[in-house]
Amino acid sequence: MLLDYLHADIKDTYAFGDAKVDIPMLEKCAVGVAMASGGDEIKSMADYVTDGVDEDGLYHAFQHFHLI
């Protein structure tokens, strides 16, 4: 619903997670990013694994995907 409201495309979506409960969110988005602190299950299904939150993981992932 949000994508329709924003007139956005699913190909422009990114999800970040570090727990098993985040897996469905990563599966729904075009790109799923797991944090280094996450478990093996989420890291194995993610499109990309970044550093931990305390190690600027979000920043590094944004750089990796040329979002900043």
C-alpha atoms as a PDB file:
ATOM      1  CA  MET A   1       0.000   0.000   0.000  1.00  0.00           C
ATOM      2  CA  LEU A   2       2.840   2.370   0.842  1.00  0.00           C
ATOM      3  CA  LEU A   3       4.537   1.794  -2.514  1.00  0.00           C
ATOM      4  CA  ASP A   4       1.279   2.557  -4.316  1.00  0.00           C
ATOM      5  CA  TYR A   5       0.753   5.680  -2.224  1.00  0.00           C
ATOM      6  CA  LEU A   6       4.297   6.895  -2.961  1.00  0.00           C
ATOM      7  CA  HIS A   7       4.126   5.819  -6.613  1.00  0.00           C
ATOM      8  CA  ALA A   8       7.290   3.838  -5.963  1.00  0.00           C
ATOM      9  CA  ASP A   9       8.539   0.578  -7.444  1.00  0.00           C
ATOM     10  CA  ILE A  10       9.424  -2.561  -5.494  1.00  0.00           C
ATOM     11  CA  LYS A  11      12.803  -2.592  -7.272  1.00  0.00           C
ATOM     12  CA  ASP A  12      13.750   0.466  -5.209  1.00  0.00           C
ATOM     13  CA  THR A  13      13.200  -1.186  -1.820  1.00  0.00           C
ATOM     14  CA  TYR A  14      15.824  -2.231   0.706  1.00  0.00           C
ATOM     15  CA  ALA A  15      15.315  -4.008   4.004  1.00  0.00           C
ATOM     16  CA  PHE A  16      17.791  -4.255   6.859  1.00  0.00           C
ATOM     17  CA  GLY A  17      17.589  -6.841   9.603  1.00  0.00           C
ATOM     18  CA  ASP A  18      19.514  -8.801  12.172  1.00  0.00           C
ATOM     19  CA  ALA A  19      17.073 -11.415  13.447  1.00  0.00           C
ATOM     20  CA  LYS A  20      15.074 -14.384  12.217  1.00  0.00           C
ATOM     21  CA  VAL A  21      11.857 -12.376  12.567  1.00  0.00           C
ATOM     22  CA  ASP A  22      13.222  -9.930   9.957  1.00  0.00           C
ATOM     23  CA  ILE A  23      13.513 -12.583   7.229  1.00  0.00           C
ATOM     24  CA  PRO A  24       9.979 -12.047   5.808  1.00  0.00           C
ATOM     25  CA  MET A  25      10.737  -8.329   5.488  1.00  0.00           C
ATOM     26  CA  LEU A  26      13.972  -9.040   3.610  1.00  0.00           C
ATOM     27  CA  GLU A  27      12.119 -11.460   1.326  1.00  0.00           C
ATOM     28  CA  LYS A  28       9.509  -8.818   0.408  1.00  0.00           C
ATOM     29  CA  CYS A  29      12.024  -6.179  -0.657  1.00  0.00           C
ATOM     30  CA  ALA A  30      14.197  -6.116  -3.737  1.00  0.00           C
ATOM     31  CA  VAL A  31      17.382  -6.103  -1.650  1.00  0.00           C
ATOM     32  CA  GLY A  32      17.758  -7.710   1.743  1.00  0.00           C
ATOM     33  CA  VAL A  33      20.681  -6.676   3.930  1.00  0.00           C
ATOM     34  CA  ALA A  34      21.686  -8.550   7.065  1.00  0.00           C
ATOM     35  CA  MET A  35      23.682  -6.971   9.829  1.00  0.00           C
ATOM     36  CA  ALA A  36      26.881  -8.738  10.896  1.00  0.00           C
ATOM     37  CA  SER A  37      25.386  -9.281  14.344  1.00  0.00           C
ATOM     38  CA  GLY A  38      22.554 -11.296  12.823  1.00  0.00           C
ATOM     39  CA  GLY A  39      22.257 -15.043  13.007  1.00  0.00           C
ATOM     40  CA  ASP A  40      23.462 -17.427  10.333  1.00  0.00           C
ATOM     41  CA  GLU A  41      19.919 -17.954   9.035  1.00  0.00           C
ATOM     42  CA  ILE A  42      19.335 -14.324   8.064  1.00  0.00           C
ATOM     43  CA  LYS A  43      22.902 -13.843   6.817  1.00  0.00           C
ATOM     44  CA  SER A  44      22.639 -16.882   4.534  1.00  0.00           C
ATOM     45  CA  MET A  45      19.476 -15.618   2.820  1.00  0.00           C
ATOM     46  CA  ALA A  46      20.403 -11.942   2.586  1.00  0.00           C
ATOM     47  CA  ASP A  47      21.598 -10.365  -0.636  1.00  0.00           C
ATOM     48  CA  TYR A  48      24.334  -8.569   1.272  1.00  0.00           C
ATOM     49  CA  VAL A  49      25.834  -8.750   4.761  1.00  0.00           C
ATOM     50  CA  THR A  50      27.131  -5.505   6.195  1.00  0.00           C
ATOM     51  CA  ASP A  51      29.033  -4.611   9.351  1.00  0.00           C
ATOM     52  CA  GLY A  52      27.365  -4.364  12.731  1.00  0.00           C
ATOM     53  CA  VAL A  53      25.285  -1.392  13.766  1.00  0.00           C
ATOM     54  CA  ASP A  54      28.028  -0.223  16.128  1.00  0.00           C
ATOM     55  CA  GLU A  55      30.507  -0.470  13.248  1.00  0.00           C
ATOM     56  CA  ASP A  56      28.557   1.848  10.924  1.00  0.00           C
ATOM     57  CA  GLY A  57      26.973  -1.082   9.103  1.00  0.00           C
ATOM     58  CA  LEU A  58      24.069   0.928   7.732  1.00  0.00           C
ATOM     59  CA  TYR A  59      26.430   3.592   6.428  1.00  0.00           C
ATOM     60  CA  HIS A  60      28.649   0.992   4.746  1.00  0.00           C
ATOM     61  CA  ALA A  61      25.653  -0.725   3.145  1.00  0.00           C
ATOM     62  CA  PHE A  62      24.326   2.611   1.870  1.00  0.00           C
ATOM     63  CA  GLN A  63      27.736   3.253   0.321  1.00  0.00           C
ATOM     64  CA  HIS A  64      27.909  -0.247  -1.150  1.00  0.00           C
ATOM     65  CA  PHE A  65      24.576   0.239  -2.927  1.00  0.00           C
ATOM     66  CA  HIS A  66      25.444   3.828  -3.970  1.00  0.00           C
ATOM     67  CA  LEU A  67      22.556   5.270  -1.973  1.00  0.00           C
ATOM     68  CA  ILE A  68      24.811   7.962  -0.529  1.00  0.00           C
END
